[in-house]
Amino acid sequence: MSVTAIGFIGLFALFGLLFLRVPVAMAMLVVGFFGTAAINGYTAALTALGTESFEISVTLTLTVIPLFVLMGNLAGVSGMSRDLFNAAYSWVGHWRGGLASATIAGCAGFAALSGSSIASAVTMGRVALPEMKRFKYGDSLATGAVAAGGTLGILIPPSTGLIIYAILTEQSIGRLFMAGIIPGILLTCLFLLAIAIVTKIKPEIGPVGPESSLVEKIKSLRRALAMVAIVVATIGGIYMGIFTPVEAAGVGALLAFCVALYRKSLDREKMTFVILQTLQTTATVFMILIGAHVFIPFMALTHIPADMVSFLVDLDVGKMGVILLILAVYIVLGTFLEGLAMLVLTLPITFEVITQLGLSPIWFGIAGVIVLEMGLISPPVGVNVFVVKSVAQDVPMGAIFRGIWPFWLAMGVCLAILVAFPQIATFLPDTMFGT
């Protein structure tokens, strides 16, 4: 049997395992191991498994993952997420759809601490959904805002998705973090615009709330300063060259811990919860990376990625045509594949195409992550939609999916702008690190 045939059998097996709800890390690990064994023997497969597992475990750069995850979990239990939502609400709550806008702003701020879409959706959902229900917001707008706002966690640094992309493509984590800032702000503004348009068309789904006094607004901002200070210290420290991403993660985790201690919000139960959540998330990410580093060499042995790269590069559609084709495939795959799984499975092909076309890998990382965001709220998988459903159990799934479409279109607009003007992503990293 040819190596190409073995490769296709492996791909079918992988998709079959994913369809059966086998975790993506284990699916890649199993297929990569047995595929390598089928081509080079079990000794080579065992060697690859042991070597890759060890190398991933001792990679210093990956220290950013548990530290940033810890920072986000500490921010959640210390009430900083609620403070940020309250601050946003005090300033924009009296607008039509103001609570939904405050939710988006809160998600954007919390994303800068958590780096996780799911964590952002769960945390802000628990804070914002009861408030929007109290003010009689439409279920579709309320849940759609939480689901879409949560996706900002994978774009605004520190992003777990960007870290995994950096590791798999050997790119600078610092450059990718800087590249995500302006697109993250742009997407946040487009989400706010989507809310304004929707509530203009249907005012009843986003009623006007009470206006806070200037004193209340200032008090709410003062309460949220702790979170703002941590974000400025970590991300600003990276931009100024004071910290490496690993050092910034350590500083951020320490500051979040100090805030939690100062607020007396850490008892034994909460500390145990924070530690277990951090360990669980870190272990999941590390298993995905180990699985990817076993699966990707197997695919390289089959020559399938190289053949696909040659096919795409030779297409007579120009650079822009190839880019649009790749992004379109990503959008389709996002409707039934989990985001990180899609990233890991496609990068051996798409990244090589991007480099051969002479395009910026930093820009492509941001564009790819935005497409992943679209997949997080796209039916039928839509991981963030199911996360929001777990928080808003009384809201029908159909109502949640109806609510995400304005935000999904806003993501499409953001992606189009980024494709037309790639400098939006590359400006900050080029300013900081040089071209």
Protein backbone atom coordinates (compact mmCIF):
# COMPACT_ATOMS: atom_id res chain seq x y z
CA MET A 1 0.00 0.00 0.00
CA SER A 2 1.35 3.43 -0.95
CA VAL A 3 2.10 6.07 1.67
CA THR A 4 -0.50 8.35 0.07
CA ALA A 5 -3.19 5.70 0.49
CA ILE A 6 -2.17 5.26 4.13
CA GLY A 7 -2.45 9.04 4.54
CA PHE A 8 -6.00 9.14 3.19
CA ILE A 9 -7.00 6.21 5.40
CA GLY A 10 -5.55 8.13 8.34
CA LEU A 11 -7.52 11.26 7.45
CA PHE A 12 -10.78 9.30 7.15
CA ALA A 13 -10.03 7.64 10.49
CA LEU A 14 -9.34 11.01 12.09
CA PHE A 15 -12.60 12.56 10.88
CA GLY A 16 -14.43 9.41 11.95
CA LEU A 17 -13.03 9.69 15.47
CA LEU A 18 -13.90 13.39 15.63
CA PHE A 19 -17.43 12.57 14.45
CA LEU A 20 -17.68 10.05 17.30
CA ARG A 21 -16.78 12.88 19.74
CA VAL A 22 -13.32 11.56 20.53
CA PRO A 23 -11.23 14.49 21.89
CA VAL A 24 -9.19 16.04 19.11
CA ALA A 25 -5.90 15.51 21.00
CA MET A 26 -6.46 11.77 21.39
CA ALA A 27 -7.75 11.42 17.81
CA MET A 28 -4.59 13.03 16.38
CA LEU A 29 -2.37 11.07 18.75
CA VAL A 30 -3.89 7.69 17.81
CA VAL A 31 -3.98 8.33 14.05
CA GLY A 32 -0.49 9.86 14.01
CA PHE A 33 1.00 6.99 16.01
CA PHE A 34 -0.52 4.12 14.05
CA GLY A 35 -0.03 5.94 10.74
CA THR A 36 3.68 6.43 11.45
CA ALA A 37 3.89 2.80 12.55
CA ALA A 38 2.29 1.67 9.27
CA ILE A 39 4.90 3.57 7.25
CA ASN A 40 8.10 3.39 9.33
CA GLY A 41 7.38 0.70 11.93
CA TYR A 42 6.41 0.74 15.60
CA THR A 43 9.92 1.60 16.81
CA ALA A 44 9.86 4.89 14.86
CA ALA A 45 6.30 5.60 16.05
CA LEU A 46 7.21 5.01 19.71
CA THR A 47 10.32 7.15 19.34
CA ALA A 48 8.27 10.01 17.83
CA LEU A 49 5.66 9.72 20.58
CA GLY A 50 8.23 9.84 23.38
CA THR A 51 10.36 12.57 21.81
CA GLU A 52 7.48 14.92 20.95
CA SER A 53 5.80 14.48 24.34
CA PHE A 54 9.04 15.37 26.13
CA GLU A 55 9.93 18.32 23.90
CA ILE A 56 6.49 19.90 24.28
CA SER A 57 6.55 19.42 28.04
CA VAL A 58 9.91 21.19 28.51
CA THR A 59 9.40 24.06 26.03
CA LEU A 60 9.92 27.26 28.01
CA THR A 61 7.77 29.33 25.66
CA LEU A 62 4.71 27.26 26.53
CA THR A 63 4.93 28.50 30.12
CA VAL A 64 2.74 31.38 28.96
CA ILE A 65 -0.25 29.04 28.70
CA PRO A 66 -0.68 28.05 32.38
CA LEU A 67 0.32 31.53 33.57
CA PHE A 68 -2.17 33.40 31.37
CA VAL A 69 -4.88 30.83 32.13
CA LEU A 70 -4.17 31.29 35.85
CA MET A 71 -4.40 35.06 35.43
CA GLY A 72 -7.80 34.76 33.75
CA ASN A 73 -9.16 32.37 36.39
CA LEU A 74 -8.00 34.65 39.20
CA ALA A 75 -9.64 37.60 37.48
CA GLY A 76 -12.89 35.68 37.32
CA VAL A 77 -13.06 34.66 40.98
CA SER A 78 -11.92 38.08 42.22
CA GLY A 79 -14.88 39.80 40.58
CA MET A 80 -12.89 41.84 38.06
CA SER A 81 -15.09 40.62 35.21
CA ARG A 82 -18.20 41.92 36.98
CA ASP A 83 -16.44 45.21 37.70
CA LEU A 84 -15.65 45.65 34.04
CA PHE A 85 -19.23 44.89 33.00
CA ASN A 86 -20.60 47.31 35.60
CA ALA A 87 -18.24 50.05 34.40
CA ALA A 88 -19.29 49.55 30.80
CA TYR A 89 -22.96 49.43 31.77
CA SER A 90 -22.77 52.66 33.79
CA TRP A 91 -21.50 54.52 30.73
CA VAL A 92 -23.57 52.97 27.90
CA GLY A 93 -26.49 51.29 29.71
CA HIS A 94 -28.85 54.16 28.89
CA TRP A 95 -28.32 53.64 25.16
CA ARG A 96 -30.67 51.50 23.13
CA GLY A 97 -29.13 48.00 23.42
CA GLY A 98 -26.73 49.41 26.03
CA LEU A 99 -26.61 46.25 28.13
CA ALA A 100 -25.65 44.19 25.07
CA SER A 101 -22.99 46.78 24.21
CA ALA A 102 -21.70 46.63 27.79
CA THR A 103 -21.51 42.85 27.44
CA ILE A 104 -19.36 43.17 24.31
CA ALA A 105 -17.09 45.70 26.03
CA GLY A 106 -16.85 43.49 29.10
CA CYS A 107 -15.99 40.45 26.98
CA ALA A 108 -13.30 42.43 25.16
CA GLY A 109 -11.75 43.49 28.45
CA PHE A 110 -11.97 40.06 30.04
CA ALA A 111 -10.51 38.50 26.88
CA ALA A 112 -7.38 40.55 27.55
CA LEU A 113 -6.97 38.55 30.77
CA SER A 114 -8.39 35.12 30.05
CA GLY A 115 -7.25 34.38 26.48
CA SER A 116 -10.11 31.91 26.21
CA SER A 117 -13.34 32.24 24.25
CA ILE A 118 -15.18 29.70 26.38
CA ALA A 119 -14.05 31.32 29.65
CA SER A 120 -15.11 34.76 28.39
CA ALA A 121 -18.54 33.48 27.30
CA VAL A 122 -19.21 31.63 30.56
CA THR A 123 -17.97 34.39 32.85
CA MET A 124 -19.72 37.29 31.12
CA GLY A 125 -22.81 35.18 30.46
CA ARG A 126 -23.30 34.61 34.18
CA VAL A 127 -22.91 38.33 34.84
CA ALA A 128 -24.76 39.87 31.88
CA LEU A 129 -27.62 37.49 31.02
CA PRO A 130 -29.53 37.95 34.30
CA GLU A 131 -29.27 41.73 33.91
CA MET A 132 -30.53 41.66 30.31
CA LYS A 133 -33.37 39.36 31.33
CA ARG A 134 -34.30 41.80 34.12
CA PHE A 135 -34.54 44.68 31.64
CA LYS A 136 -36.58 42.50 29.21
CA TYR A 137 -34.01 42.22 26.43
CA GLY A 138 -34.83 39.89 23.55
CA ASP A 139 -33.39 36.43 24.13
CA SER A 140 -31.74 36.37 20.70
CA LEU A 141 -29.87 39.65 21.22
CA ALA A 142 -28.85 38.83 24.80
CA THR A 143 -27.48 35.37 24.10
CA GLY A 144 -26.05 36.35 20.71
CA ALA A 145 -24.06 39.20 22.32
CA VAL A 146 -22.59 36.85 24.93
CA ALA A 147 -21.74 34.13 22.40
CA ALA A 148 -20.15 36.59 19.97
CA GLY A 149 -18.41 38.63 22.66
CA GLY A 150 -16.85 35.47 24.02
CA THR A 151 -15.12 34.82 20.70
CA LEU A 152 -12.96 37.91 21.30
CA GLY A 153 -11.00 35.76 23.76
CA ILE A 154 -9.27 33.92 20.91
CA LEU A 155 -8.23 37.17 19.13
CA ILE A 156 -7.40 39.79 21.76
CA PRO A 157 -4.08 38.92 23.43
CA PRO A 158 -3.20 36.90 25.37
CA SER A 159 -4.91 34.36 23.10
CA THR A 160 -4.53 30.60 23.46
CA GLY A 161 -5.31 30.25 19.74
CA LEU A 162 -2.48 32.63 18.81
CA ILE A 163 -0.08 30.78 21.13
CA ILE A 164 -0.87 27.44 19.49
CA TYR A 165 -0.52 29.01 16.03
CA ALA A 166 2.85 30.47 17.05
CA ILE A 167 4.13 27.12 18.33
CA LEU A 168 2.97 25.12 15.30
CA THR A 169 4.36 27.64 12.79
CA GLU A 170 7.46 28.72 14.78
CA GLN A 171 6.36 32.35 14.83
CA SER A 172 6.94 34.95 17.55
CA ILE A 173 4.27 34.92 20.24
CA GLY A 174 5.04 38.56 21.00
CA ARG A 175 4.50 39.63 17.36
CA LEU A 176 1.22 37.73 17.19
CA PHE A 177 0.00 39.28 20.45
CA MET A 178 0.74 42.76 19.12
CA ALA A 179 -0.88 41.90 15.78
CA GLY A 180 -4.13 40.94 17.50
CA ILE A 181 -4.68 44.27 19.28
CA ILE A 182 -5.93 46.52 16.45
CA PRO A 183 -8.06 43.78 14.76
CA GLY A 184 -9.49 42.99 18.20
CA ILE A 185 -10.49 46.63 18.72
CA LEU A 186 -11.89 46.78 15.18
CA LEU A 187 -14.01 43.66 15.68
CA THR A 188 -15.28 44.97 19.03
CA CYS A 189 -16.39 48.21 17.34
CA LEU A 190 -18.10 46.25 14.54
CA PHE A 191 -19.98 44.20 17.16
CA LEU A 192 -21.17 47.44 18.79
CA LEU A 193 -22.24 48.72 15.37
CA ALA A 194 -24.17 45.48 14.77
CA ILE A 195 -26.03 45.97 18.06
CA ALA A 196 -26.85 49.57 17.14
CA ILE A 197 -28.25 48.50 13.75
CA VAL A 198 -30.28 45.59 15.16
CA THR A 199 -31.81 47.68 17.95
CA LYS A 200 -32.55 50.46 15.49
CA ILE A 201 -34.58 48.00 13.41
CA LYS A 202 -36.16 46.28 16.43
CA PRO A 203 -36.07 48.70 19.41
CA GLU A 204 -38.09 46.34 21.61
CA ILE A 205 -35.29 43.74 21.86
CA GLY A 206 -32.84 46.24 23.38
CA PRO A 207 -34.77 48.71 25.58
CA VAL A 208 -33.13 51.77 27.05
CA GLY A 209 -31.91 51.38 30.62
CA PRO A 210 -31.61 53.94 33.43
CA GLU A 211 -28.81 56.50 33.12
CA SER A 212 -26.12 56.52 35.81
CA SER A 213 -24.95 59.72 37.42
CA LEU A 214 -21.46 61.06 36.80
CA VAL A 215 -20.45 60.06 40.33
CA GLU A 216 -21.62 56.47 39.71
CA LYS A 217 -19.75 56.37 36.41
CA ILE A 218 -16.50 57.50 38.04
CA LYS A 219 -16.93 55.01 40.90
CA SER A 220 -17.45 52.16 38.43
CA LEU A 221 -14.35 53.16 36.49
CA ARG A 222 -12.33 53.31 39.70
CA ARG A 223 -13.47 49.79 40.56
CA ALA A 224 -12.39 48.51 37.14
CA LEU A 225 -8.94 50.14 37.32
CA ALA A 226 -7.37 46.98 38.75
CA MET A 227 -8.21 45.01 35.65
CA VAL A 228 -7.12 47.83 33.33
CA ALA A 229 -3.82 48.12 35.20
CA ILE A 230 -3.09 44.40 34.78
CA VAL A 231 -3.83 44.55 31.03
CA VAL A 232 -1.64 47.63 30.60
CA ALA A 233 1.16 46.06 32.64
CA THR A 234 1.21 42.80 30.67
CA ILE A 235 0.44 43.80 27.09
CA GLY A 236 2.06 47.24 27.45
CA GLY A 237 5.14 45.62 28.96
CA ILE A 238 5.49 43.36 25.92
CA TYR A 239 5.05 46.29 23.53
CA MET A 240 7.61 48.43 25.37
CA GLY A 241 10.12 45.59 25.38
CA ILE A 242 10.16 45.42 29.18
CA PHE A 243 8.88 41.84 29.32
CA THR A 244 9.01 38.80 27.13
CA PRO A 245 5.60 37.12 26.73
CA VAL A 246 6.59 34.53 29.35
CA GLU A 247 7.65 37.23 31.83
CA ALA A 248 4.49 39.23 31.09
CA ALA A 249 2.39 36.16 31.84
CA GLY A 250 4.14 35.73 35.19
CA VAL A 251 3.70 39.40 36.09
CA GLY A 252 0.03 39.31 35.09
CA ALA A 253 -0.67 36.19 37.15
CA LEU A 254 1.08 37.70 40.18
CA LEU A 255 -0.85 40.98 39.89
CA ALA A 256 -4.18 39.13 39.52
CA PHE A 257 -3.30 37.05 42.59
CA CYS A 258 -2.47 40.20 44.59
CA VAL A 259 -5.80 41.81 43.59
CA ALA A 260 -7.67 38.67 44.61
CA LEU A 261 -5.89 38.65 47.98
CA TYR A 262 -6.55 42.36 48.52
CA ARG A 263 -10.26 41.85 47.85
CA LYS A 264 -10.31 38.80 50.14
CA SER A 265 -12.00 36.79 47.40
CA LEU A 266 -9.77 33.71 47.68
CA ASP A 267 -10.84 31.07 50.17
CA ARG A 268 -9.78 27.42 50.09
CA GLU A 269 -12.70 26.41 47.82
CA LYS A 270 -12.08 29.15 45.26
CA MET A 271 -8.32 28.61 45.26
CA THR A 272 -8.88 24.90 44.63
CA PHE A 273 -11.26 25.77 41.79
CA VAL A 274 -8.73 28.17 40.22
CA ILE A 275 -5.90 25.63 40.40
CA LEU A 276 -7.99 22.75 39.02
CA GLN A 277 -9.37 24.89 36.16
CA THR A 278 -5.87 26.06 35.28
CA LEU A 279 -4.51 22.51 35.32
CA GLN A 280 -7.42 21.21 33.24
CA THR A 281 -7.10 23.89 30.56
CA THR A 282 -3.30 23.62 30.46
CA ALA A 283 -3.41 19.84 30.16
CA THR A 284 -5.95 20.08 27.33
CA VAL A 285 -3.82 22.54 25.36
CA PHE A 286 -0.63 20.54 25.92
CA MET A 287 -2.34 17.32 24.80
CA ILE A 288 -3.52 19.07 21.63
CA LEU A 289 0.04 20.22 20.93
CA ILE A 290 1.48 16.76 21.59
CA GLY A 291 -1.16 15.19 19.35
CA ALA A 292 -0.42 17.75 16.63
CA HIS A 293 3.32 17.09 16.79
CA VAL A 294 2.69 13.36 16.34
CA PHE A 295 0.05 13.74 13.62
CA ILE A 296 1.75 16.40 11.47
CA PRO A 297 4.97 14.37 10.86
CA PHE A 298 2.79 11.42 9.85
CA MET A 299 1.01 13.60 7.28
CA ALA A 300 4.37 14.84 6.02
CA LEU A 301 5.41 11.21 5.41
CA THR A 302 2.31 10.68 3.23
CA HIS A 303 3.18 13.64 0.93
CA ILE A 304 -0.48 14.75 1.01
CA PRO A 305 0.27 18.24 2.40
CA ALA A 306 3.02 18.79 -0.18
CA ASP A 307 0.73 17.70 -3.02
CA MET A 308 -2.06 19.95 -1.77
CA VAL A 309 0.34 22.90 -1.47
CA SER A 310 1.52 22.40 -5.06
CA PHE A 311 -2.07 22.19 -6.26
CA LEU A 312 -3.11 25.41 -4.52
CA VAL A 313 0.00 27.37 -5.52
CA ASP A 314 -0.41 26.32 -9.17
CA LEU A 315 -4.05 27.45 -9.35
CA ASP A 316 -4.49 30.20 -11.92
CA VAL A 317 -6.42 32.53 -9.60
CA GLY A 318 -3.66 34.76 -8.22
CA LYS A 319 -2.65 35.33 -4.61
CA MET A 320 -5.95 36.89 -3.61
CA GLY A 321 -7.90 34.04 -5.18
CA VAL A 322 -5.92 31.44 -3.22
CA ILE A 323 -6.39 33.40 0.02
CA LEU A 324 -10.13 33.71 -0.51
CA LEU A 325 -10.32 29.99 -1.31
CA ILE A 326 -8.47 29.07 1.90
CA LEU A 327 -10.64 31.36 4.04
CA ALA A 328 -13.82 30.02 2.40
CA VAL A 329 -12.72 26.45 3.19
CA TYR A 330 -12.00 27.53 6.78
CA ILE A 331 -15.49 29.01 7.12
CA VAL A 332 -17.06 25.77 5.83
CA LEU A 333 -14.88 23.57 8.07
CA GLY A 334 -15.75 25.79 11.03
CA THR A 335 -19.39 24.76 10.76
CA PHE A 336 -18.61 21.20 11.90
CA LEU A 337 -15.06 21.20 13.31
CA GLU A 338 -13.92 22.63 16.64
CA GLY A 339 -11.69 25.66 16.11
CA LEU A 340 -8.39 24.38 17.47
CA ALA A 341 -8.88 21.04 15.70
CA MET A 342 -9.37 22.86 12.42
CA LEU A 343 -6.27 24.98 13.02
CA VAL A 344 -4.06 22.00 13.78
CA LEU A 345 -5.36 19.90 10.89
CA THR A 346 -5.05 22.55 8.19
CA LEU A 347 -1.86 24.43 9.11
CA PRO A 348 0.52 21.90 7.49
CA ILE A 349 -1.07 22.82 4.16
CA THR A 350 -2.24 26.41 4.49
CA PHE A 351 0.85 27.78 6.21
CA GLU A 352 3.12 26.35 3.53
CA VAL A 353 0.90 27.92 0.86
CA ILE A 354 1.08 31.29 2.60
CA THR A 355 4.88 31.21 2.83
CA GLN A 356 5.28 30.14 -0.79
CA LEU A 357 3.04 33.00 -1.89
CA GLY A 358 5.22 35.43 0.06
CA LEU A 359 2.44 36.56 2.38
CA SER A 360 2.90 37.58 6.01
CA PRO A 361 2.49 34.62 8.40
CA ILE A 362 1.62 37.08 11.17
CA TRP A 363 -1.25 38.54 9.13
CA PHE A 364 -2.47 35.06 8.20
CA GLY A 365 -2.45 34.05 11.86
CA ILE A 366 -4.84 36.88 12.71
CA ALA A 367 -7.05 36.23 9.67
CA GLY A 368 -7.15 32.52 10.50
CA VAL A 369 -8.11 33.21 14.11
CA ILE A 370 -11.00 35.46 12.98
CA VAL A 371 -12.27 32.60 10.83
CA LEU A 372 -11.97 30.33 13.87
CA GLU A 373 -14.11 32.85 15.74
CA MET A 374 -16.73 32.59 13.04
CA GLY A 375 -16.69 28.82 13.47
CA LEU A 376 -17.22 29.17 17.23
CA ILE A 377 -20.70 30.63 16.62
CA SER A 378 -21.57 28.87 13.35
CA PRO A 379 -24.21 26.10 13.28
CA PRO A 380 -24.34 23.19 13.79
CA VAL A 381 -21.29 22.92 16.11
CA GLY A 382 -20.88 26.49 17.39
CA VAL A 383 -19.07 25.70 20.63
CA ASN A 384 -19.74 29.13 22.14
CA VAL A 385 -23.45 28.76 21.35
CA PHE A 386 -23.61 25.57 23.41
CA VAL A 387 -21.62 27.25 26.20
CA VAL A 388 -24.16 30.08 26.32
CA LYS A 389 -26.97 27.51 26.23
CA SER A 390 -25.53 25.94 29.38
CA VAL A 391 -25.78 29.34 31.12
CA ALA A 392 -29.18 30.35 29.61
CA GLN A 393 -30.94 26.96 29.79
CA ASP A 394 -34.42 28.45 29.34
CA VAL A 395 -33.55 30.00 25.94
CA PRO A 396 -34.23 27.79 22.87
CA MET A 397 -31.19 26.89 20.79
CA GLY A 398 -32.86 28.39 17.71
CA ALA A 399 -33.15 31.78 19.40
CA ILE A 400 -29.43 31.77 20.23
CA PHE A 401 -28.45 30.90 16.66
CA ARG A 402 -30.74 33.65 15.33
CA GLY A 403 -29.03 36.10 17.63
CA ILE A 404 -25.52 35.39 16.41
CA TRP A 405 -26.08 36.21 12.72
CA PRO A 406 -25.56 40.01 13.00
CA PHE A 407 -22.29 39.34 14.82
CA TRP A 408 -21.27 36.66 12.34
CA LEU A 409 -21.74 39.16 9.52
CA ALA A 410 -19.70 41.71 11.51
CA MET A 411 -16.88 39.14 11.65
CA GLY A 412 -17.15 38.74 7.89
CA VAL A 413 -16.80 42.50 7.45
CA CYS A 414 -13.77 42.52 9.78
CA LEU A 415 -12.19 39.69 7.80
CA ALA A 416 -12.79 41.50 4.50
CA ILE A 417 -11.18 44.68 5.88
CA LEU A 418 -8.20 42.67 7.13
CA VAL A 419 -7.75 40.99 3.74
CA ALA A 420 -7.96 44.34 1.95
CA PHE A 421 -5.66 46.11 4.43
CA PRO A 422 -3.23 43.59 5.99
CA GLN A 423 -1.32 46.48 7.60
CA ILE A 424 -4.03 46.56 10.27
CA ALA A 425 -2.49 43.37 11.67
CA THR A 426 1.17 44.00 10.88
CA PHE A 427 1.50 47.67 11.91
CA LEU A 428 2.09 47.18 15.66
CA PRO A 429 4.46 44.18 15.43
CA ASP A 430 6.47 45.91 12.68
CA THR A 431 6.66 49.06 14.81
CA MET A 432 7.83 47.07 17.82
CA PHE A 433 10.10 44.43 16.29
CA GLY A 434 10.86 45.83 12.84
CA THR A 435 9.87 44.25 9.53
